[in-house]
N, C-alpha and C. Protein backbone atom coordinates (compact mmCIF):
# COMPACT_ATOMS: atom_id res chain seq x y z
N ASN A 1 2.02 -1.69 45.77
CA ASN A 1 1.81 -3.22 46.40
C ASN A 1 0.28 -3.52 45.67
N MET A 2 0.59 -5.43 45.26
CA MET A 2 -0.45 -5.70 44.66
C MET A 2 -1.74 -6.11 45.97
N LYS A 3 -1.41 -5.45 46.79
CA LYS A 3 -3.17 -6.09 47.47
C LYS A 3 -3.98 -4.89 47.14
N VAL A 4 -3.43 -3.72 47.48
CA VAL A 4 -4.17 -2.48 47.35
C VAL A 4 -3.16 -1.30 46.30
N PRO A 5 -3.37 -1.58 45.04
CA PRO A 5 -2.97 -0.88 44.17
C PRO A 5 -3.28 0.33 44.30
N VAL A 6 -2.59 1.56 43.80
CA VAL A 6 -3.43 2.90 43.90
C VAL A 6 -4.60 3.08 42.45
N GLU A 7 -4.98 4.04 42.40
CA GLU A 7 -6.03 4.11 41.16
C GLU A 7 -5.41 4.22 39.97
N GLY A 8 -3.80 4.63 39.51
CA GLY A 8 -3.52 4.88 38.38
C GLY A 8 -3.65 3.59 38.03
N VAL A 9 -2.91 2.52 38.75
CA VAL A 9 -2.52 1.25 38.40
C VAL A 9 -3.95 -0.04 38.10
N VAL A 10 -5.23 0.65 38.80
CA VAL A 10 -6.08 0.13 38.40
C VAL A 10 -6.65 0.44 37.26
N THR A 11 -6.50 1.54 36.78
CA THR A 11 -7.04 1.72 35.82
C THR A 11 -6.23 1.48 34.33
N VAL A 12 -4.88 1.48 34.75
CA VAL A 12 -3.82 0.74 34.01
C VAL A 12 -4.52 -0.56 33.45
N SER A 13 -4.80 -1.40 34.62
CA SER A 13 -5.31 -3.09 34.80
C SER A 13 -6.33 -2.75 33.89
N LYS A 14 -7.24 -1.87 34.24
CA LYS A 14 -8.81 -1.85 33.68
C LYS A 14 -8.33 -2.21 32.06
N ALA A 15 -7.88 -0.72 31.96
CA ALA A 15 -7.67 -0.72 30.05
C ALA A 15 -7.13 -1.59 29.75
N LEU A 16 -6.31 -2.26 30.07
CA LEU A 16 -4.83 -4.00 29.80
C LEU A 16 -5.95 -4.50 29.85
N CYS A 17 -7.24 -4.90 30.52
CA CYS A 17 -8.18 -5.91 30.19
C CYS A 17 -8.79 -5.88 29.57
N TRP A 18 -9.09 -4.33 29.57
CA TRP A 18 -10.09 -3.91 27.52
C TRP A 18 -9.88 -4.33 26.39
N CYS A 19 -7.82 -4.03 26.50
CA CYS A 19 -7.36 -4.21 25.49
C CYS A 19 -7.20 -6.28 25.14
N PHE A 20 -7.15 -6.48 25.92
CA PHE A 20 -7.23 -8.40 25.75
C PHE A 20 -8.24 -8.90 25.98
N GLY A 21 -9.24 -8.23 26.16
CA GLY A 21 -10.85 -8.86 26.51
C GLY A 21 -11.21 -9.98 27.90
N VAL A 22 -9.86 -9.37 28.35
CA VAL A 22 -10.45 -10.03 30.07
C VAL A 22 -11.55 -9.41 30.93
N ALA A 23 -12.52 -10.14 31.14
CA ALA A 23 -14.15 -10.08 32.08
C ALA A 23 -13.24 -9.28 33.12
N PRO A 24 -14.08 -8.49 33.82
CA PRO A 24 -13.69 -8.45 35.24
C PRO A 24 -14.28 -9.22 36.20
N LYS A 25 -13.95 -9.38 37.29
CA LYS A 25 -14.46 -10.17 38.48
C LYS A 25 -15.81 -9.21 39.05
N ARG A 26 -16.79 -9.79 39.23
CA ARG A 26 -17.89 -8.86 40.17
C ARG A 26 -17.71 -9.39 41.70
N VAL A 27 -17.61 -8.29 42.46
CA VAL A 27 -17.48 -8.39 43.66
C VAL A 27 -18.27 -7.16 44.27
N THR A 28 -18.75 -7.57 45.48
CA THR A 28 -19.99 -6.55 46.28
C THR A 28 -18.91 -5.29 46.42
N SER A 29 -19.91 -4.28 46.33
CA SER A 29 -19.51 -2.91 46.29
C SER A 29 -18.83 -2.66 47.47
N ALA A 30 -18.23 -1.44 47.72
CA ALA A 30 -18.04 -1.03 49.44
C ALA A 30 -19.07 -0.95 50.35
N ASP A 31 -20.47 -0.22 49.35
CA ASP A 31 -21.32 -0.30 50.95
C ASP A 31 -22.19 -1.19 51.07
N GLY A 32 -22.11 -2.49 50.18
CA GLY A 32 -22.77 -3.91 50.70
C GLY A 32 -23.85 -3.92 49.80
N ARG A 33 -24.05 -2.96 49.04
CA ARG A 33 -25.63 -3.57 48.76
C ARG A 33 -25.55 -4.19 47.24
N SER A 34 -24.31 -3.64 46.08
CA SER A 34 -24.29 -4.01 44.80
C SER A 34 -23.39 -4.54 44.27
N LYS A 35 -23.20 -5.06 43.31
CA LYS A 35 -21.88 -5.51 42.60
C LYS A 35 -21.45 -4.76 41.84
N VAL A 36 -20.59 -4.68 41.79
CA VAL A 36 -19.11 -3.60 40.91
C VAL A 36 -18.15 -4.62 40.03
N ASP A 37 -17.23 -4.43 38.94
CA ASP A 37 -16.66 -5.24 38.52
C ASP A 37 -15.36 -4.63 38.96
N ASP A 38 -14.61 -5.58 39.24
CA ASP A 38 -13.50 -5.28 40.18
C ASP A 38 -12.39 -5.97 38.86
N TYR A 39 -11.42 -5.02 38.05
CA TYR A 39 -10.48 -5.44 37.17
C TYR A 39 -9.11 -5.55 37.64
N TRP A 40 -8.91 -5.16 39.15
CA TRP A 40 -7.24 -5.35 39.23
C TRP A 40 -7.67 -6.65 39.69
N GLU A 41 -8.51 -7.63 40.38
CA GLU A 41 -8.24 -9.41 40.65
C GLU A 41 -8.33 -9.66 39.11
N ALA A 42 -8.90 -9.45 38.13
CA ALA A 42 -8.95 -10.30 37.27
C ALA A 42 -7.63 -9.85 36.47
N SER A 43 -7.05 -8.80 36.25
CA SER A 43 -5.86 -8.47 35.64
C SER A 43 -4.59 -9.42 36.48
N LYS A 44 -5.22 -9.47 37.83
CA LYS A 44 -3.56 -9.58 38.42
C LYS A 44 -3.66 -10.99 37.76
N LYS A 45 -4.78 -12.17 37.72
CA LYS A 45 -4.62 -13.51 37.43
C LYS A 45 -4.10 -13.44 35.89
N ALA A 46 -4.91 -12.89 35.27
CA ALA A 46 -4.66 -13.21 33.66
C ALA A 46 -3.72 -12.51 32.82
N LEU A 47 -3.39 -10.93 33.41
CA LEU A 47 -2.42 -10.21 32.88
C LEU A 47 -0.72 -10.41 33.50
N TRP A 48 -0.81 -9.01 34.29
CA TRP A 48 0.13 -9.28 35.04
C TRP A 48 0.97 -10.60 35.76
N GLY A 49 0.14 -12.14 36.12
CA GLY A 49 0.85 -12.85 36.22
C GLY A 49 1.35 -13.77 35.33
N ASP A 50 0.77 -12.72 33.85
CA ASP A 50 1.46 -13.92 32.56
C ASP A 50 2.84 -13.49 32.25
N SER A 51 3.73 -14.24 32.41
CA SER A 51 5.02 -14.12 32.20
C SER A 51 5.24 -13.91 30.42
N LYS A 52 4.04 -14.61 29.62
CA LYS A 52 4.20 -13.85 28.26
C LYS A 52 3.98 -12.52 27.83
N LEU A 53 3.78 -11.66 29.15
CA LEU A 53 2.55 -10.44 28.79
C LEU A 53 3.45 -9.37 27.94
N GLN A 54 4.60 -9.45 28.01
CA GLN A 54 5.37 -8.35 26.64
C GLN A 54 5.51 -9.15 25.84
N ASP A 55 5.85 -10.19 25.85
CA ASP A 55 5.28 -10.82 23.83
C ASP A 55 3.79 -10.24 23.77
N ARG A 56 2.68 -10.80 24.34
CA ARG A 56 1.44 -10.38 24.01
C ARG A 56 1.12 -9.01 23.44
N LEU A 57 1.82 -7.80 24.39
CA LEU A 57 2.17 -6.83 23.77
C LEU A 57 2.19 -6.62 22.70
N LEU A 58 3.97 -6.97 22.23
CA LEU A 58 4.58 -6.91 21.18
C LEU A 58 3.89 -7.17 19.95
N SER A 59 3.35 -8.43 19.95
CA SER A 59 2.20 -8.84 18.91
C SER A 59 0.93 -8.79 18.95
N TYR A 60 0.35 -7.79 20.03
CA TYR A 60 -1.15 -7.06 19.69
C TYR A 60 -1.62 -6.62 18.06
N ASP A 61 -2.45 -7.17 17.88
CA ASP A 61 -3.14 -6.46 16.59
C ASP A 61 -3.71 -5.44 16.50
N ARG A 62 -2.17 -4.06 16.71
CA ARG A 62 -2.54 -2.75 16.92
C ARG A 62 -3.66 -2.15 15.43
N ASP A 63 -3.74 -2.71 14.37
CA ASP A 63 -4.11 -2.44 13.13
C ASP A 63 -5.54 -2.64 13.22
N ASN A 64 -5.96 -3.53 14.42
CA ASN A 64 -7.46 -3.80 14.01
C ASN A 64 -8.31 -4.17 15.49
N ILE A 65 -7.55 -2.79 16.29
CA ILE A 65 -8.65 -2.66 17.76
C ILE A 65 -10.40 -2.57 17.76
N PRO A 66 -10.86 -3.42 18.10
CA PRO A 66 -12.12 -3.26 18.15
C PRO A 66 -12.74 -1.92 18.01
N ASN A 67 -13.44 -1.19 17.96
CA ASN A 67 -13.97 -0.15 17.90
C ASN A 67 -14.51 0.16 19.49
N HIS A 68 -14.99 -0.86 20.36
CA HIS A 68 -15.51 -1.09 21.42
C HIS A 68 -14.41 -0.84 22.31
N VAL A 69 -13.19 -1.42 22.34
CA VAL A 69 -12.52 -1.14 23.23
C VAL A 69 -11.49 0.05 22.52
N MET A 70 -11.46 0.88 21.20
CA MET A 70 -11.32 2.10 21.44
C MET A 70 -12.37 3.15 22.11
N ALA A 71 -13.43 3.05 22.30
CA ALA A 71 -14.83 3.89 22.89
C ALA A 71 -14.39 4.19 24.42
N LEU A 72 -13.90 2.66 24.72
CA LEU A 72 -13.52 2.77 26.41
C LEU A 72 -12.04 3.02 26.58
N LEU A 73 -10.85 2.88 25.99
CA LEU A 73 -9.68 3.85 25.61
C LEU A 73 -9.65 5.36 26.10
N LYS A 74 -10.66 5.75 25.01
CA LYS A 74 -10.15 6.96 24.05
C LYS A 74 -10.59 7.74 25.63
N PRO A 75 -11.21 7.79 26.29
CA PRO A 75 -11.78 8.94 27.37
C PRO A 75 -10.20 8.93 28.88
N LEU A 76 -9.26 7.64 28.36
CA LEU A 76 -8.34 7.86 29.12
C LEU A 76 -7.04 9.22 29.15
N GLU A 77 -7.30 9.30 27.91
CA GLU A 77 -6.20 10.29 27.40
C GLU A 77 -6.96 11.48 28.47
N ASN A 78 -7.57 12.03 28.75
CA ASN A 78 -7.91 12.92 29.76
C ASN A 78 -7.98 12.80 31.55
N ASP A 79 -8.03 11.35 31.29
CA ASP A 79 -7.90 11.17 33.05
C ASP A 79 -6.46 11.13 34.09
N PRO A 80 -6.78 11.79 34.87
CA PRO A 80 -5.43 12.65 35.86
C PRO A 80 -5.07 11.03 36.14
N HIS A 81 -6.23 10.25 36.30
CA HIS A 81 -4.88 8.88 36.82
C HIS A 81 -4.54 8.14 35.84
N PHE A 82 -4.41 8.55 34.74
CA PHE A 82 -3.82 7.62 33.81
C PHE A 82 -2.71 8.56 32.88
N ASP A 83 -2.27 9.29 33.56
CA ASP A 83 -0.98 10.37 33.49
C ASP A 83 0.13 8.84 33.75
N PRO A 84 0.99 9.37 32.68
CA PRO A 84 2.60 7.84 33.00
C PRO A 84 3.22 8.40 34.01
N GLU A 85 3.29 9.71 34.36
CA GLU A 85 4.87 10.44 35.63
C GLU A 85 3.64 10.43 36.48
N VAL A 86 2.44 10.18 36.79
CA VAL A 86 1.67 9.85 38.09
C VAL A 86 1.75 8.24 38.51
N ILE A 87 1.43 7.24 37.63
CA ILE A 87 1.47 6.10 37.35
C ILE A 87 2.87 5.42 37.98
N LYS A 88 4.00 6.29 37.16
CA LYS A 88 5.59 5.81 37.66
C LYS A 88 5.48 5.95 38.75
N LYS A 89 5.33 6.89 39.85
CA LYS A 89 5.85 6.74 41.41
C LYS A 89 5.11 5.88 41.89
N ALA A 90 3.79 4.69 41.56
CA ALA A 90 3.28 3.72 42.10
C ALA A 90 3.96 2.47 41.49
N SER A 91 4.10 1.90 40.39
CA SER A 91 4.69 1.02 39.23
C SER A 91 5.32 1.34 38.37
N VAL A 92 6.53 1.43 37.84
CA VAL A 92 7.53 0.72 36.87
C VAL A 92 6.81 0.70 35.94
N ALA A 93 6.23 -1.06 35.82
CA ALA A 93 5.93 -1.80 35.22
C ALA A 93 4.41 -1.45 34.57
N ALA A 94 3.42 -0.45 35.45
CA ALA A 94 2.54 0.11 35.12
C ALA A 94 2.49 1.38 34.35
N PHE A 95 3.81 1.91 34.39
CA PHE A 95 4.23 3.29 33.69
C PHE A 95 3.99 2.79 32.31
N GLY A 96 5.16 1.69 32.12
CA GLY A 96 5.09 0.79 30.58
C GLY A 96 4.02 0.71 30.31
N ILE A 97 3.43 0.06 30.51
CA ILE A 97 1.62 -0.18 30.04
C ILE A 97 1.53 0.93 29.73
N CYS A 98 1.24 1.76 30.64
CA CYS A 98 0.05 3.08 30.43
C CYS A 98 0.67 3.90 29.12
N LYS A 99 2.25 3.92 28.93
CA LYS A 99 2.45 4.43 27.97
C LYS A 99 2.52 3.85 26.58
N TRP A 100 1.94 2.21 26.55
CA TRP A 100 2.09 1.49 25.42
C TRP A 100 0.41 1.53 24.99
N ILE A 101 -0.18 1.80 26.32
CA ILE A 101 -1.82 1.88 26.26
C ILE A 101 -2.23 3.27 25.35
N ARG A 102 -1.35 4.41 25.63
CA ARG A 102 -1.86 5.62 25.15
C ARG A 102 -1.46 5.54 23.82
N ALA A 103 0.26 4.90 23.60
CA ALA A 103 0.70 4.44 21.91
C ALA A 103 -0.83 3.70 21.34
N MET A 104 -1.40 3.02 21.85
CA MET A 104 -2.53 2.54 21.10
C MET A 104 -3.45 3.46 20.70
N ILE A 105 -3.82 3.93 21.26
CA ILE A 105 -4.65 5.07 21.33
C ILE A 105 -4.38 5.85 19.95
N VAL A 106 -3.45 6.23 20.43
CA VAL A 106 -2.86 7.52 18.90
C VAL A 106 -2.43 6.69 17.89
N TYR A 107 -2.13 5.53 17.94
CA TYR A 107 -1.70 4.62 16.67
C TYR A 107 -2.87 4.50 16.23
N ASP A 108 -4.14 4.30 16.91
CA ASP A 108 -5.63 3.87 16.32
C ASP A 108 -6.06 4.96 15.55
N ALA A 109 -6.12 6.48 15.94
CA ALA A 109 -6.19 7.66 15.27
C ALA A 109 -5.65 7.66 14.19
N VAL A 110 -4.74 7.59 14.57
CA VAL A 110 -3.42 7.79 12.96
C VAL A 110 -3.96 6.74 11.81
N ILE A 111 -4.09 5.36 12.14
CA ILE A 111 -4.21 4.35 11.34
C ILE A 111 -5.84 4.50 11.10
N LYS A 112 -6.40 5.21 11.42
CA LYS A 112 -7.84 5.57 10.89
C LYS A 112 -7.75 6.23 9.74
N VAL A 113 -6.73 7.50 9.41
CA VAL A 113 -6.47 8.35 9.09
C VAL A 113 -5.76 8.07 7.75
N VAL A 114 -4.76 7.13 8.19
CA VAL A 114 -3.77 6.31 7.38
C VAL A 114 -4.19 4.94 6.63
N ALA A 115 -5.18 4.41 7.10
CA ALA A 115 -6.11 3.03 6.23
C ALA A 115 -6.55 3.51 4.83
N PRO A 116 -7.65 4.58 4.87
CA PRO A 116 -8.22 4.75 3.81
C PRO A 116 -7.04 5.33 2.50
N ARG A 117 -5.76 5.97 3.22
CA ARG A 117 -5.35 6.50 2.12
C ARG A 117 -4.21 5.07 1.57
N ARG A 118 -4.26 4.30 2.73
CA ARG A 118 -2.79 3.19 2.19
C ARG A 118 -4.06 2.29 0.94
N ALA A 119 -4.99 2.15 1.41
CA ALA A 119 -5.99 1.48 0.34
C ALA A 119 -6.18 2.18 -1.02
N ASN A 120 -6.51 3.81 -0.93
CA ASN A 120 -6.58 4.26 -1.86
C ASN A 120 -4.89 4.20 -2.91
N LEU A 121 -3.83 4.25 -2.08
CA LEU A 121 -2.80 3.64 -2.53
C LEU A 121 -2.44 2.50 -3.01
N ASN A 122 -3.07 1.59 -2.94
CA ASN A 122 -3.07 0.44 -3.28
C ASN A 122 -3.90 0.02 -4.65
N GLN A 123 -4.96 1.02 -4.44
CA GLN A 123 -5.86 0.42 -5.58
C GLN A 123 -4.82 1.50 -6.90
N ALA A 124 -4.20 2.74 -6.27
CA ALA A 124 -3.60 3.70 -7.27
C ALA A 124 -2.50 2.66 -8.27
N GLU A 125 -1.91 2.03 -7.18
CA GLU A 125 -0.44 1.21 -7.89
C GLU A 125 -1.30 0.07 -8.53
N GLN A 126 -2.30 -0.50 -8.08
CA GLN A 126 -3.05 -1.52 -9.28
C GLN A 126 -3.46 -0.93 -10.20
N ASP A 127 -3.89 0.21 -10.64
CA ASP A 127 -4.67 1.05 -11.45
C ASP A 127 -3.22 1.01 -12.72
N LEU A 128 -2.43 1.74 -11.66
CA LEU A 128 -0.62 2.02 -12.63
C LEU A 128 -0.20 0.62 -13.16
N GLN A 129 -0.84 -0.49 -12.48
CA GLN A 129 0.10 -1.50 -13.13
C GLN A 129 -0.55 -1.95 -14.59
N GLY A 130 -2.19 -1.50 -14.44
CA GLY A 130 -3.14 -2.33 -15.39
C GLY A 130 -2.79 -1.13 -16.80
N VAL A 131 -2.68 0.28 -16.08
CA VAL A 131 -2.21 1.20 -16.97
C VAL A 131 -0.53 0.81 -18.07
N MET A 132 0.24 0.71 -16.96
CA MET A 132 1.51 0.50 -17.39
C MET A 132 1.43 -0.77 -18.23
N ALA A 133 0.82 -2.12 -17.88
CA ALA A 133 0.48 -3.13 -19.14
C ALA A 133 0.42 -2.82 -20.60
N GLU A 134 -0.74 -1.88 -20.69
CA GLU A 134 -1.59 -1.75 -21.40
C GLU A 134 -0.50 -0.52 -22.07
N LEU A 135 0.01 0.23 -21.55
CA LEU A 135 1.49 0.65 -22.11
C LEU A 135 1.88 -0.10 -23.11
N ALA A 136 2.71 -0.89 -22.40
CA ALA A 136 3.24 -2.15 -22.74
C ALA A 136 2.93 -2.63 -23.98
N GLN A 137 1.84 -2.84 -24.06
CA GLN A 137 1.26 -3.37 -25.36
C GLN A 137 1.09 -2.96 -26.47
N LYS A 138 0.72 -1.21 -26.22
CA LYS A 138 0.63 -0.01 -27.07
C LYS A 138 1.58 -0.12 -27.67
N LYS A 139 2.90 -0.11 -27.28
CA LYS A 139 4.58 0.23 -27.31
C LYS A 139 4.88 -1.21 -28.48
N ALA A 140 4.17 -2.27 -28.20
CA ALA A 140 4.47 -3.57 -28.61
C ALA A 140 4.01 -3.17 -29.91
N GLU A 141 2.48 -2.80 -29.90
CA GLU A 141 2.02 -2.64 -31.61
C GLU A 141 2.39 -1.82 -32.51
N LEU A 142 2.92 -0.23 -31.36
CA LEU A 142 3.47 0.85 -32.53
C LEU A 142 4.98 0.04 -32.84
N ARG A 143 5.55 -0.68 -32.13
CA ARG A 143 7.08 -1.24 -32.80
C ARG A 143 6.88 -2.12 -33.86
N ALA A 144 5.82 -2.69 -33.77
CA ALA A 144 5.49 -3.68 -35.06
C ALA A 144 4.87 -2.37 -36.00
N VAL A 145 4.27 -1.48 -35.94
CA VAL A 145 3.75 -0.74 -36.92
C VAL A 145 4.75 0.04 -37.51
N HIS A 146 5.98 0.40 -36.73
CA HIS A 146 6.53 0.82 -37.28
C HIS A 146 7.98 0.31 -38.01
N GLU A 147 8.09 -1.05 -37.74
CA GLU A 147 8.62 -2.48 -38.35
C GLU A 147 7.99 -2.58 -39.68
N HIS A 148 6.72 -2.84 -39.65
CA HIS A 148 5.92 -2.18 -41.12
C HIS A 148 6.03 -1.50 -41.94
N VAL A 149 6.13 -0.26 -41.33
CA VAL A 149 6.45 0.99 -42.14
C VAL A 149 8.01 0.89 -42.63
N SER A 150 8.93 0.49 -41.68
CA SER A 150 9.94 0.37 -42.33
C SER A 150 10.05 -0.33 -43.39
N ALA A 151 9.83 -1.84 -43.33
CA ALA A 151 9.67 -2.71 -44.68
C ALA A 151 9.11 -1.92 -45.34
N LEU A 152 7.71 -1.92 -45.35
CA LEU A 152 7.16 -0.84 -46.80
C LEU A 152 8.31 0.15 -47.60
N MET A 153 8.50 1.12 -46.27
CA MET A 153 10.12 1.92 -47.06
C MET A 153 11.30 1.50 -47.85
N ALA A 154 11.66 0.47 -47.10
CA ALA A 154 12.37 -0.02 -47.82
C ALA A 154 11.92 -0.83 -49.36
N GLN A 155 10.68 -1.51 -49.04
CA GLN A 155 10.21 -2.42 -50.25
C GLN A 155 10.19 -0.64 -51.65
N PHE A 156 9.41 0.44 -50.79
CA PHE A 156 9.31 1.37 -51.98
C PHE A 156 10.55 1.83 -52.66
N GLU A 157 11.78 1.83 -51.72
CA GLU A 157 13.14 2.38 -51.98
C GLU A 157 13.53 1.47 -53.05
N ARG A 158 13.69 0.26 -52.59
CA ARG A 158 14.02 -1.14 -53.93
C ARG A 158 12.97 -0.72 -55.53
N ALA A 159 11.46 -0.65 -55.18
CA ALA A 159 10.93 -0.28 -56.51
C ALA A 159 11.28 1.15 -57.01
N LYS A 160 11.56 2.18 -56.13
CA LYS A 160 12.05 3.29 -56.75
C LYS A 160 13.58 3.43 -57.57
N ASN A 161 14.56 2.63 -56.77
CA ASN A 161 15.06 2.54 -57.60
C ASN A 161 15.18 1.31 -58.85
N ARG A 162 14.27 0.95 -59.00
CA ARG A 162 14.25 -0.08 -60.00
C ARG A 162 13.17 0.70 -60.99
N LYS A 163 12.34 1.06 -60.15
CA LYS A 163 11.95 2.42 -61.47
C LYS A 163 13.02 3.57 -62.61
N ASP A 164 14.11 3.90 -61.54
CA ASP A 164 14.83 4.94 -62.00
C ASP A 164 15.79 3.68 -62.82
N GLU A 165 16.01 2.46 -62.59
CA GLU A 165 16.90 2.26 -63.69
C GLU A 165 15.81 1.67 -65.04
N LEU A 166 14.64 1.21 -64.96
CA LEU A 166 14.14 0.96 -66.10
C LEU A 166 14.06 2.12 -67.15
N GLN A 167 13.60 3.17 -66.15
CA GLN A 167 13.75 4.47 -66.67
C GLN A 167 15.21 5.02 -67.50
N ILE A 168 16.09 4.55 -66.80
CA ILE A 168 17.75 5.29 -67.68
C ILE A 168 17.78 3.74 -68.98
N GLU A 169 16.85 2.41 -69.01
CA GLU A 169 17.06 1.56 -70.13
C GLU A 169 16.04 2.11 -70.93
N VAL A 170 14.67 2.68 -70.58
CA VAL A 170 13.99 3.29 -71.58
C VAL A 170 14.83 4.42 -72.03
N GLU A 171 15.36 5.14 -71.95
CA GLU A 171 15.88 6.54 -72.35
C GLU A 171 17.27 6.09 -73.20
N VAL A 172 17.81 4.80 -72.50
CA VAL A 172 18.98 4.26 -73.58
C VAL A 172 18.23 3.50 -74.95
N CYS A 173 17.17 2.64 -74.59
CA CYS A 173 16.87 2.17 -75.96
C CYS A 173 15.85 2.84 -76.42
N GLU A 174 15.42 4.23 -76.30
CA GLU A 174 15.05 5.20 -77.30
C GLU A 174 16.10 6.05 -78.03
N LYS A 175 17.36 6.20 -77.64
CA LYS A 175 18.36 6.98 -78.18
C LYS A 175 18.58 5.68 -79.15
N ARG A 176 18.75 4.30 -78.63
CA ARG A 176 19.27 3.29 -79.85
C ARG A 176 18.23 3.43 -80.92
N LEU A 177 17.12 3.54 -80.45
CA LEU A 177 15.99 3.43 -81.48
C LEU A 177 16.07 4.29 -82.43
N ASN A 178 16.26 5.45 -81.58
CA ASN A 178 16.26 6.62 -82.64
C ASN A 178 17.49 7.16 -83.68
N ARG A 179 18.95 6.12 -83.32
CA ARG A 179 19.87 5.85 -84.14
C ARG A 179 19.74 4.78 -85.30
N ALA A 180 19.01 3.71 -84.44
CA ALA A 180 18.86 2.72 -85.56
C ALA A 180 18.07 3.31 -86.71
N GLU A 181 16.92 4.21 -86.50
CA GLU A 181 15.81 4.80 -87.38
C GLU A 181 16.51 5.39 -88.50
N LYS A 182 17.86 6.37 -88.08
CA LYS A 182 18.32 7.18 -88.81
C LYS A 182 19.39 6.33 -89.81
N LEU A 183 20.07 5.21 -88.78
CA LEU A 183 20.80 4.70 -89.87
C LEU A 183 20.07 3.64 -90.88
N ILE A 184 18.52 3.36 -90.68
CA ILE A 184 17.90 2.80 -91.44
C ILE A 184 17.66 3.62 -92.63
N ASN A 185 17.11 4.59 -92.27
CA ASN A 185 16.37 5.74 -92.83
C ASN A 185 17.91 6.38 -93.85
N GLY A 186 18.79 6.12 -93.41
CA GLY A 186 20.35 6.83 -94.16
C GLY A 186 20.68 5.23 -95.17
N LEU A 187 20.45 4.29 -94.56
CA LEU A 187 20.94 3.19 -95.74
C LEU A 187 19.34 3.20 -96.75
N GLY A 188 18.24 3.38 -96.40
CA GLY A 188 16.97 3.32 -97.34
C GLY A 188 17.41 4.42 -98.16
N GLY A 189 17.94 5.47 -97.93
CA GLY A 189 18.33 6.59 -99.13
C GLY A 189 19.20 6.21 -100.22
N GLU A 190 19.82 5.22 -100.12
CA GLU A 190 21.15 4.57 -100.80
C GLU A 190 20.50 3.80 -101.87
């Protein structure tokens, strides 16, 4: 009944108003002496009557729920009037919203644990990218050094081969020179 809802539906309406920043309507209290916040009247117009309420719930920024809203919502977890099964008897729509609000409370607690870890992961991934870029640069430098060493080794091998060739030529020339000396000495004795 939208005129006189059960307390659980009023509690769901109040929580929904907190989530979407809907201000309560100030009404005279039952004793007639003071004013009290009436979230039911405010939520009927601003939320329950909104044809796009489901879209608003689906697009709700659950990663950035304000702390003051969470401070208001958190005590509802232990409120007997905020039990989804109790609310389901009065309103299926309020039952769904109650489950959504409870999910937001749990999600916020989880995201407060996960967010710093996610930030640490992002930082670690950035650090890894930097290290990997530096590693790639060092590998390129190492490859250049290896290529230079290979070129020097090839040059050394050519020089060594040339030295060996010259050594053989020297030995051949020495043998010829020795034979020529013997021939000259032999001819000089005649």
